[in-house]
Every structure is written in structure tokens, then in C-alpha cells.
Amino acid sequence: MANDVKPRVKVPKSAAVGEVVTLKTLISHPMESGQRKDDKGVLIPREIINRFTCDYHGVNVIEIEIDPAVSTNPYFEFDVKIDAAGEFVFTWYDDDGSVYTEKKSIEIA
């Protein structure tokens, strides 16, 4: 498990039915590709977030497969059309089997 992994998400507190809102996510993670060497010349093991998903009302709204070329602290921004009050579940999957989850609710204005 990577040290100090911290998922952060930004979801509006409320929206009108039919409104399209922008969701923003960032996770603090080193995203080591497995190709760099430390100061002693030893390869640093691969350690990346390899998949990200977001579900709304239990339905997947986005799924991203992540390659080692993605930089440290991956950031994603995407739009979702709001049809009712509900909860977003954001999930990041790490190479080592760790799963990081953040949940945020949105109300109808």
C-alpha cells in the first residue's frame, strides 16, 4: 500500500433535475512506473493506481483504465447529468490490491 494516499473529490452540494454538473477528483499517489531507479541504481517497484470508477445510484458513470504513463497524483474531471438526489461513490484501485473509496452526496435544488 502506498503511503499517504489521500483521495479528494469535489461534488456540488445540490443541482436541479436534468442539470449537468462537473465532478473533480484527485488522489495523492506516487504512481511509480517501475522504470525509474533509486540513488543506488536499484529499480523502484511499479506502484500505480490502475483503475478509477465512479458510480451514481449504483450505476457506473465512468470507468478509466490507467497506464503507468499517468503522472503522480492523477486528476480526473468529468460531467454527469443529475436525475435525482443521490450518492456518488468514487473508487481507485491500486496495483497492490488496495482500494480507496470516497463518497459524496448531491441534493436536488
N, C-alpha and C. Protein backbone atom coordinates (compact mmCIF):
# COMPACT_ATOMS: atom_id res chain seq x y z
N MET A 1 0.84 -1.18 0.00
CA MET A 1 0.00 0.00 0.00
C MET A 1 0.88 1.24 0.00
N ALA A 2 0.57 2.16 -0.86
CA ALA A 2 1.31 3.42 -0.93
C ALA A 2 1.07 4.22 0.35
N ASN A 3 2.07 4.96 0.75
CA ASN A 3 1.95 5.79 1.95
C ASN A 3 1.25 7.10 1.62
N ASP A 4 0.48 7.60 2.57
CA ASP A 4 -0.17 8.91 2.47
C ASP A 4 -1.08 9.05 1.25
N VAL A 5 -1.75 7.98 0.86
CA VAL A 5 -2.70 8.07 -0.25
C VAL A 5 -3.95 8.77 0.27
N LYS A 6 -4.34 9.83 -0.43
CA LYS A 6 -5.48 10.61 0.03
C LYS A 6 -6.37 10.96 -1.15
N PRO A 7 -7.54 10.32 -1.27
CA PRO A 7 -8.46 10.71 -2.34
C PRO A 7 -9.22 11.99 -1.98
N ARG A 8 -9.42 12.84 -2.98
CA ARG A 8 -10.20 14.06 -2.79
C ARG A 8 -11.18 14.19 -3.95
N VAL A 9 -12.39 14.60 -3.64
CA VAL A 9 -13.40 14.79 -4.68
C VAL A 9 -14.14 16.09 -4.44
N LYS A 10 -14.61 16.67 -5.54
CA LYS A 10 -15.40 17.90 -5.45
C LYS A 10 -16.70 17.66 -6.20
N VAL A 11 -17.80 17.70 -5.46
CA VAL A 11 -19.14 17.49 -5.99
C VAL A 11 -20.01 18.66 -5.51
N PRO A 12 -20.80 19.28 -6.39
CA PRO A 12 -21.69 20.34 -5.92
C PRO A 12 -22.64 19.80 -4.85
N LYS A 13 -23.01 20.63 -3.89
CA LYS A 13 -23.93 20.19 -2.83
C LYS A 13 -25.33 19.92 -3.38
N SER A 14 -25.72 20.69 -4.42
CA SER A 14 -27.05 20.49 -4.99
C SER A 14 -27.05 20.84 -6.47
N ALA A 15 -28.09 20.35 -7.15
CA ALA A 15 -28.28 20.62 -8.58
C ALA A 15 -29.75 20.42 -8.91
N ALA A 16 -30.20 21.02 -10.00
CA ALA A 16 -31.57 20.82 -10.47
C ALA A 16 -31.65 19.52 -11.26
N VAL A 17 -32.84 18.92 -11.27
CA VAL A 17 -33.03 17.71 -12.08
C VAL A 17 -32.74 18.05 -13.54
N GLY A 18 -31.94 17.23 -14.19
CA GLY A 18 -31.57 17.45 -15.57
C GLY A 18 -30.32 18.29 -15.76
N GLU A 19 -29.82 18.88 -14.68
CA GLU A 19 -28.62 19.70 -14.77
C GLU A 19 -27.38 18.81 -14.94
N VAL A 20 -26.43 19.31 -15.73
CA VAL A 20 -25.16 18.61 -15.90
C VAL A 20 -24.15 19.28 -14.97
N VAL A 21 -23.54 18.51 -14.10
CA VAL A 21 -22.56 19.04 -13.15
C VAL A 21 -21.18 18.46 -13.45
N THR A 22 -20.17 19.21 -13.07
CA THR A 22 -18.79 18.76 -13.24
C THR A 22 -18.28 18.23 -11.92
N LEU A 23 -17.73 17.01 -11.97
CA LEU A 23 -17.13 16.38 -10.80
C LEU A 23 -15.61 16.39 -10.99
N LYS A 24 -14.89 16.63 -9.90
CA LYS A 24 -13.43 16.69 -9.96
C LYS A 24 -12.86 15.73 -8.91
N THR A 25 -11.86 14.97 -9.32
CA THR A 25 -11.23 14.02 -8.39
C THR A 25 -9.72 14.12 -8.50
N LEU A 26 -9.06 13.90 -7.38
CA LEU A 26 -7.61 13.85 -7.33
C LEU A 26 -7.24 12.87 -6.24
N ILE A 27 -6.23 12.06 -6.49
CA ILE A 27 -5.75 11.16 -5.45
C ILE A 27 -4.25 11.35 -5.31
N SER A 28 -3.79 11.56 -4.09
CA SER A 28 -2.36 11.69 -3.83
C SER A 28 -1.75 10.30 -3.89
N HIS A 29 -0.89 10.07 -4.86
CA HIS A 29 -0.29 8.75 -5.06
C HIS A 29 0.99 8.91 -5.86
N PRO A 30 2.06 8.17 -5.52
CA PRO A 30 3.34 8.35 -6.20
C PRO A 30 3.36 7.90 -7.66
N MET A 31 2.51 6.94 -8.06
CA MET A 31 2.42 6.47 -9.44
C MET A 31 3.80 6.09 -10.00
N GLU A 32 4.49 5.19 -9.32
CA GLU A 32 5.79 4.71 -9.79
C GLU A 32 5.61 3.74 -10.94
N SER A 33 6.26 3.99 -12.06
CA SER A 33 6.10 3.19 -13.27
C SER A 33 6.86 1.86 -13.23
N GLY A 34 7.83 1.74 -12.33
CA GLY A 34 8.66 0.54 -12.28
C GLY A 34 9.86 0.65 -13.20
N GLN A 35 10.07 1.82 -13.80
CA GLN A 35 11.18 2.01 -14.73
C GLN A 35 12.28 2.92 -14.19
N ARG A 36 11.99 3.61 -13.10
CA ARG A 36 13.00 4.51 -12.51
C ARG A 36 13.88 3.75 -11.53
N LYS A 37 15.07 4.30 -11.30
CA LYS A 37 16.00 3.71 -10.33
C LYS A 37 16.19 4.68 -9.17
N ASP A 38 16.45 4.12 -7.98
CA ASP A 38 16.73 4.96 -6.84
C ASP A 38 18.19 5.42 -6.91
N ASP A 39 18.65 6.15 -5.87
CA ASP A 39 20.01 6.69 -5.90
C ASP A 39 21.10 5.62 -5.84
N LYS A 40 20.74 4.37 -5.54
CA LYS A 40 21.70 3.26 -5.52
C LYS A 40 21.64 2.43 -6.81
N GLY A 41 20.81 2.86 -7.76
CA GLY A 41 20.71 2.16 -9.02
C GLY A 41 19.75 0.98 -9.03
N VAL A 42 18.98 0.83 -7.96
CA VAL A 42 18.01 -0.27 -7.87
C VAL A 42 16.67 0.21 -8.41
N LEU A 43 16.03 -0.64 -9.23
CA LEU A 43 14.72 -0.29 -9.78
C LEU A 43 13.70 -0.08 -8.66
N ILE A 44 12.94 1.00 -8.76
CA ILE A 44 11.85 1.26 -7.83
C ILE A 44 10.66 0.45 -8.34
N PRO A 45 10.06 -0.41 -7.51
CA PRO A 45 8.96 -1.26 -7.98
C PRO A 45 7.76 -0.45 -8.49
N ARG A 46 7.09 -1.03 -9.48
CA ARG A 46 5.88 -0.42 -10.03
C ARG A 46 4.83 -0.34 -8.93
N GLU A 47 4.17 0.80 -8.86
CA GLU A 47 3.10 1.03 -7.89
C GLU A 47 2.21 2.13 -8.46
N ILE A 48 1.13 1.71 -9.12
CA ILE A 48 0.25 2.71 -9.72
C ILE A 48 -1.22 2.42 -9.37
N ILE A 49 -2.00 3.47 -9.46
CA ILE A 49 -3.45 3.31 -9.47
C ILE A 49 -3.76 2.85 -10.89
N ASN A 50 -4.37 1.67 -11.05
CA ASN A 50 -4.56 1.14 -12.39
C ASN A 50 -5.99 1.27 -12.92
N ARG A 51 -6.92 1.67 -12.03
CA ARG A 51 -8.31 1.83 -12.48
C ARG A 51 -9.03 2.80 -11.56
N PHE A 52 -9.94 3.57 -12.15
CA PHE A 52 -10.78 4.50 -11.40
C PHE A 52 -12.21 4.34 -11.88
N THR A 53 -13.16 4.31 -10.94
CA THR A 53 -14.57 4.25 -11.29
C THR A 53 -15.36 5.26 -10.47
N CYS A 54 -16.52 5.63 -11.01
CA CYS A 54 -17.48 6.46 -10.27
C CYS A 54 -18.86 5.89 -10.53
N ASP A 55 -19.60 5.63 -9.46
CA ASP A 55 -20.97 5.13 -9.54
C ASP A 55 -21.91 6.17 -8.95
N TYR A 56 -23.11 6.26 -9.53
CA TYR A 56 -24.16 7.19 -9.06
C TYR A 56 -25.45 6.39 -9.04
N HIS A 57 -26.08 6.27 -7.90
CA HIS A 57 -27.27 5.42 -7.73
C HIS A 57 -26.95 3.96 -8.03
N GLY A 58 -25.71 3.54 -7.79
CA GLY A 58 -25.32 2.17 -8.05
C GLY A 58 -25.06 1.85 -9.52
N VAL A 59 -25.09 2.88 -10.37
CA VAL A 59 -24.84 2.70 -11.80
C VAL A 59 -23.50 3.35 -12.14
N ASN A 60 -22.66 2.64 -12.87
CA ASN A 60 -21.36 3.17 -13.25
C ASN A 60 -21.54 4.33 -14.24
N VAL A 61 -20.92 5.48 -13.94
CA VAL A 61 -20.98 6.62 -14.84
C VAL A 61 -19.66 6.86 -15.56
N ILE A 62 -18.57 6.34 -15.01
CA ILE A 62 -17.27 6.43 -15.68
C ILE A 62 -16.37 5.34 -15.14
N GLU A 63 -15.56 4.79 -16.04
CA GLU A 63 -14.53 3.82 -15.65
C GLU A 63 -13.30 4.11 -16.49
N ILE A 64 -12.17 4.27 -15.83
CA ILE A 64 -10.93 4.63 -16.51
C ILE A 64 -9.87 3.59 -16.18
N GLU A 65 -9.27 3.01 -17.21
CA GLU A 65 -8.12 2.13 -17.05
C GLU A 65 -6.89 3.03 -17.12
N ILE A 66 -6.01 2.94 -16.13
CA ILE A 66 -4.88 3.86 -16.02
C ILE A 66 -3.58 3.12 -16.32
N ASP A 67 -2.75 3.70 -17.17
CA ASP A 67 -1.46 3.13 -17.54
C ASP A 67 -0.35 3.79 -16.72
N PRO A 68 0.83 3.17 -16.67
CA PRO A 68 1.94 3.73 -15.89
C PRO A 68 2.39 5.11 -16.34
N ALA A 69 2.03 5.54 -17.55
CA ALA A 69 2.47 6.85 -18.04
C ALA A 69 1.74 8.01 -17.36
N VAL A 70 0.71 7.75 -16.59
CA VAL A 70 -0.02 8.82 -15.89
C VAL A 70 0.85 9.37 -14.76
N SER A 71 0.83 10.68 -14.62
CA SER A 71 1.70 11.33 -13.64
C SER A 71 1.26 11.10 -12.20
N THR A 72 2.12 11.49 -11.31
CA THR A 72 1.85 11.45 -9.88
C THR A 72 0.56 12.21 -9.59
N ASN A 73 -0.20 11.75 -8.61
CA ASN A 73 -1.43 12.41 -8.18
C ASN A 73 -2.45 12.58 -9.31
N PRO A 74 -2.95 11.47 -9.87
CA PRO A 74 -3.86 11.57 -11.01
C PRO A 74 -5.13 12.38 -10.71
N TYR A 75 -5.48 13.24 -11.65
CA TYR A 75 -6.63 14.14 -11.55
C TYR A 75 -7.59 13.81 -12.70
N PHE A 76 -8.88 13.68 -12.36
CA PHE A 76 -9.90 13.45 -13.39
C PHE A 76 -11.04 14.43 -13.17
N GLU A 77 -11.56 14.95 -14.27
CA GLU A 77 -12.70 15.87 -14.26
C GLU A 77 -13.68 15.38 -15.32
N PHE A 78 -14.95 15.24 -14.94
CA PHE A 78 -15.94 14.74 -15.90
C PHE A 78 -17.32 15.26 -15.51
N ASP A 79 -18.26 15.21 -16.47
CA ASP A 79 -19.61 15.72 -16.28
C ASP A 79 -20.60 14.58 -16.09
N VAL A 80 -21.62 14.84 -15.26
CA VAL A 80 -22.68 13.87 -15.01
C VAL A 80 -24.01 14.62 -15.00
N LYS A 81 -25.02 14.05 -15.66
CA LYS A 81 -26.36 14.63 -15.65
C LYS A 81 -27.09 14.11 -14.41
N ILE A 82 -27.64 15.03 -13.64
CA ILE A 82 -28.30 14.68 -12.37
C ILE A 82 -29.78 14.41 -12.63
N ASP A 83 -30.24 13.22 -12.20
CA ASP A 83 -31.65 12.87 -12.37
C ASP A 83 -32.40 12.79 -11.04
N ALA A 84 -31.67 12.74 -9.94
CA ALA A 84 -32.29 12.67 -8.61
C ALA A 84 -31.20 12.87 -7.56
N ALA A 85 -31.63 13.15 -6.33
CA ALA A 85 -30.67 13.21 -5.24
C ALA A 85 -30.03 11.84 -5.10
N GLY A 86 -28.79 11.81 -4.72
CA GLY A 86 -28.14 10.51 -4.58
C GLY A 86 -26.71 10.63 -4.10
N GLU A 87 -26.04 9.50 -4.14
CA GLU A 87 -24.66 9.43 -3.66
C GLU A 87 -23.73 8.96 -4.78
N PHE A 88 -22.63 9.66 -4.90
CA PHE A 88 -21.57 9.25 -5.80
C PHE A 88 -20.56 8.43 -5.01
N VAL A 89 -20.10 7.34 -5.58
CA VAL A 89 -19.07 6.52 -4.97
C VAL A 89 -17.88 6.50 -5.93
N PHE A 90 -16.77 7.06 -5.48
CA PHE A 90 -15.55 7.14 -6.27
C PHE A 90 -14.59 6.06 -5.75
N THR A 91 -14.02 5.27 -6.66
CA THR A 91 -13.15 4.17 -6.25
C THR A 91 -11.89 4.14 -7.10
N TRP A 92 -10.75 4.05 -6.43
CA TRP A 92 -9.45 3.92 -7.08
C TRP A 92 -8.88 2.56 -6.71
N TYR A 93 -8.31 1.85 -7.69
CA TYR A 93 -7.76 0.51 -7.48
C TYR A 93 -6.24 0.56 -7.69
N ASP A 94 -5.49 0.10 -6.68
CA ASP A 94 -4.04 0.13 -6.70
C ASP A 94 -3.49 -1.21 -7.16
N ASP A 95 -2.29 -1.20 -7.77
CA ASP A 95 -1.62 -2.43 -8.20
C ASP A 95 -1.49 -3.46 -7.07
N ASP A 96 -1.26 -2.98 -5.87
CA ASP A 96 -1.03 -3.90 -4.75
C ASP A 96 -2.32 -4.48 -4.16
N GLY A 97 -3.45 -4.20 -4.77
CA GLY A 97 -4.73 -4.71 -4.30
C GLY A 97 -5.49 -3.76 -3.39
N SER A 98 -4.85 -2.67 -3.00
CA SER A 98 -5.53 -1.68 -2.16
C SER A 98 -6.65 -1.00 -2.96
N VAL A 99 -7.72 -0.67 -2.27
CA VAL A 99 -8.85 0.02 -2.88
C VAL A 99 -9.15 1.24 -2.01
N TYR A 100 -9.24 2.40 -2.64
CA TYR A 100 -9.52 3.65 -1.94
C TYR A 100 -10.88 4.16 -2.41
N THR A 101 -11.73 4.50 -1.46
CA THR A 101 -13.10 4.92 -1.79
C THR A 101 -13.44 6.23 -1.10
N GLU A 102 -14.15 7.07 -1.82
CA GLU A 102 -14.66 8.32 -1.27
C GLU A 102 -16.11 8.43 -1.72
N LYS A 103 -16.99 8.91 -0.83
CA LYS A 103 -18.41 9.06 -1.16
C LYS A 103 -18.84 10.50 -0.92
N LYS A 104 -19.67 11.00 -1.85
CA LYS A 104 -20.23 12.34 -1.72
C LYS A 104 -21.67 12.32 -2.22
N SER A 105 -22.53 13.02 -1.49
CA SER A 105 -23.95 13.10 -1.86
C SER A 105 -24.25 14.41 -2.57
N ILE A 106 -25.32 14.38 -3.37
CA ILE A 106 -25.82 15.58 -4.02
C ILE A 106 -27.32 15.65 -3.80
N GLU A 107 -27.82 16.83 -3.50
CA GLU A 107 -29.24 17.05 -3.26
C GLU A 107 -29.86 17.74 -4.47
N ILE A 108 -31.17 17.67 -4.56
CA ILE A 108 -31.90 18.38 -5.62
C ILE A 108 -32.27 19.76 -5.12
N ALA A 109 -31.94 20.76 -5.93
CA ALA A 109 -32.19 22.18 -5.54
C ALA A 109 -33.59 22.59 -5.96
